[in-house]
């Protein structure tokens, strides 16, 4: 009985860790997308500034 409880606790813990890891992964994906958008905008602005100087 004791060992089955341990297994259950461990399964709960592992599934909780997996959930947290997945949500962290989603957060990282959103950050990467955001950074790409910002750098793209920044490059466009830099290009515009460059052309306005010329």
N, C-alpha and C. Protein backbone atom coordinates (compact mmCIF):
# COMPACT_ATOMS: atom_id res chain seq x y z
N UNK A 1 0.84 -1.21 0.00
CA UNK A 1 0.00 0.00 0.00
C UNK A 1 0.87 1.26 0.00
N UNK A 2 1.91 1.19 0.82
CA UNK A 2 2.82 2.34 0.94
C UNK A 2 3.45 2.69 -0.42
N UNK A 3 3.93 1.68 -1.12
CA UNK A 3 4.63 1.93 -2.39
C UNK A 3 3.68 2.48 -3.45
N UNK A 4 2.41 2.04 -3.46
CA UNK A 4 1.46 2.55 -4.45
C UNK A 4 1.17 4.03 -4.19
N UNK A 5 1.14 4.43 -2.93
CA UNK A 5 0.96 5.84 -2.59
C UNK A 5 2.17 6.65 -3.08
N UNK A 6 3.35 6.11 -2.87
CA UNK A 6 4.56 6.79 -3.33
C UNK A 6 4.52 6.98 -4.85
N UNK A 7 4.11 5.95 -5.55
CA UNK A 7 4.01 6.03 -7.01
C UNK A 7 3.01 7.10 -7.42
N UNK A 8 1.88 7.15 -6.71
CA UNK A 8 0.84 8.13 -7.03
C UNK A 8 1.38 9.55 -6.81
N UNK A 9 2.04 9.75 -5.67
CA UNK A 9 2.60 11.06 -5.37
C UNK A 9 3.62 11.46 -6.43
N UNK A 10 4.45 10.49 -6.81
CA UNK A 10 5.48 10.78 -7.80
C UNK A 10 4.85 11.12 -9.15
N UNK A 11 3.80 10.40 -9.52
CA UNK A 11 3.11 10.69 -10.77
C UNK A 11 2.51 12.08 -10.75
N UNK A 12 1.89 12.44 -9.63
CA UNK A 12 1.31 13.79 -9.51
C UNK A 12 2.40 14.83 -9.67
N UNK A 13 3.52 14.61 -8.98
CA UNK A 13 4.63 15.55 -9.03
C UNK A 13 5.17 15.67 -10.45
N UNK A 14 5.36 14.52 -11.11
CA UNK A 14 5.90 14.53 -12.47
C UNK A 14 4.97 15.23 -13.44
N UNK A 15 3.66 14.97 -13.32
CA UNK A 15 2.72 15.61 -14.24
C UNK A 15 2.69 17.12 -13.99
N UNK A 16 2.84 17.51 -12.72
CA UNK A 16 2.88 18.94 -12.40
C UNK A 16 4.13 19.58 -13.02
N UNK A 17 5.25 18.89 -12.92
CA UNK A 17 6.49 19.39 -13.50
C UNK A 17 6.36 19.52 -15.03
N UNK A 18 5.74 18.53 -15.65
CA UNK A 18 5.55 18.56 -17.10
C UNK A 18 4.68 19.75 -17.49
N UNK A 19 3.60 19.98 -16.73
CA UNK A 19 2.72 21.12 -17.02
C UNK A 19 3.49 22.43 -16.92
N UNK A 20 4.27 22.58 -15.84
CA UNK A 20 5.04 23.81 -15.66
C UNK A 20 6.06 23.97 -16.78
N UNK A 21 6.69 22.87 -17.16
CA UNK A 21 7.69 22.92 -18.22
C UNK A 21 7.06 23.32 -19.55
N UNK A 22 5.85 22.77 -19.83
CA UNK A 22 5.16 23.11 -21.07
C UNK A 22 4.78 24.58 -21.10
N UNK A 23 4.26 25.09 -19.97
CA UNK A 23 3.86 26.50 -19.95
C UNK A 23 5.10 27.40 -20.08
N UNK A 24 6.23 26.95 -19.52
CA UNK A 24 7.47 27.70 -19.67
C UNK A 24 7.91 27.71 -21.13
N UNK A 25 7.75 26.57 -21.80
CA UNK A 25 8.09 26.47 -23.22
C UNK A 25 7.26 27.41 -24.07
N UNK A 26 5.96 27.50 -23.74
CA UNK A 26 5.06 28.40 -24.46
C UNK A 26 5.50 29.84 -24.24
N UNK A 27 5.87 30.16 -23.00
CA UNK A 27 6.34 31.51 -22.68
C UNK A 27 7.58 31.86 -23.50
N UNK A 28 8.51 30.92 -23.58
CA UNK A 28 9.74 31.14 -24.36
C UNK A 28 9.40 31.36 -25.84
N UNK A 29 8.46 30.56 -26.38
CA UNK A 29 8.06 30.73 -27.78
C UNK A 29 7.51 32.13 -28.01
N UNK A 30 6.67 32.60 -27.09
CA UNK A 30 6.10 33.94 -27.24
C UNK A 30 7.20 35.00 -27.19
N UNK A 31 8.16 34.81 -26.29
CA UNK A 31 9.27 35.76 -26.19
C UNK A 31 10.07 35.79 -27.49
N UNK A 32 10.36 34.62 -28.04
CA UNK A 32 11.13 34.54 -29.29
C UNK A 32 10.39 35.25 -30.41
N UNK A 33 9.08 34.99 -30.52
CA UNK A 33 8.27 35.65 -31.55
C UNK A 33 8.31 37.16 -31.36
N UNK A 34 8.16 37.61 -30.13
CA UNK A 34 8.16 39.04 -29.82
C UNK A 34 9.51 39.66 -30.19
N UNK A 35 10.59 38.99 -29.83
CA UNK A 35 11.93 39.51 -30.13
C UNK A 35 12.12 39.62 -31.64
N UNK A 36 11.66 38.61 -32.38
CA UNK A 36 11.77 38.64 -33.84
C UNK A 36 11.01 39.83 -34.40
N UNK A 37 9.80 40.07 -33.88
CA UNK A 37 8.99 41.20 -34.35
C UNK A 37 9.71 42.51 -34.06
N UNK A 38 10.24 42.65 -32.86
CA UNK A 38 10.89 43.90 -32.46
C UNK A 38 12.14 44.13 -33.31
N UNK A 39 12.95 43.08 -33.51
CA UNK A 39 14.17 43.27 -34.30
C UNK A 39 13.82 43.61 -35.75
N UNK A 40 12.75 43.01 -36.26
CA UNK A 40 12.31 43.32 -37.63
C UNK A 40 11.90 44.79 -37.72
N UNK A 41 11.12 45.25 -36.75
CA UNK A 41 10.71 46.66 -36.73
C UNK A 41 11.93 47.56 -36.62
N UNK A 42 12.86 47.17 -35.75
CA UNK A 42 14.06 47.97 -35.54
C UNK A 42 14.86 48.05 -36.83
N UNK A 43 14.99 46.94 -37.54
CA UNK A 43 15.73 46.93 -38.80
C UNK A 43 15.04 47.84 -39.82
N UNK A 44 13.73 47.80 -39.87
CA UNK A 44 12.99 48.67 -40.78
C UNK A 44 13.24 50.14 -40.44
N UNK A 45 13.21 50.46 -39.15
CA UNK A 45 13.46 51.84 -38.72
C UNK A 45 14.87 52.26 -39.09
N UNK A 46 15.83 51.38 -38.83
CA UNK A 46 17.23 51.69 -39.17
C UNK A 46 17.38 51.92 -40.67
N UNK A 47 16.72 51.11 -41.47
CA UNK A 47 16.77 51.26 -42.92
C UNK A 47 16.18 52.60 -43.34
N UNK A 48 15.06 52.96 -42.74
CA UNK A 48 14.41 54.24 -43.05
C UNK A 48 15.32 55.40 -42.68
N UNK A 49 15.96 55.31 -41.52
CA UNK A 49 16.88 56.37 -41.08
C UNK A 49 18.05 56.46 -42.07
N UNK A 50 18.57 55.30 -42.45
CA UNK A 50 19.68 55.24 -43.39
C UNK A 50 19.32 55.93 -44.71
N UNK A 51 18.14 55.63 -45.23
CA UNK A 51 17.71 56.23 -46.50
C UNK A 51 17.42 57.72 -46.35
N UNK A 52 16.93 58.11 -45.19
CA UNK A 52 16.63 59.54 -44.99
C UNK A 52 17.92 60.35 -44.91
N UNK A 53 19.00 59.71 -44.45
CA UNK A 53 20.30 60.39 -44.40
C UNK A 53 20.81 60.59 -45.82
N UNK A 54 20.66 59.56 -46.65
CA UNK A 54 21.08 59.64 -48.06
C UNK A 54 20.12 60.59 -48.76
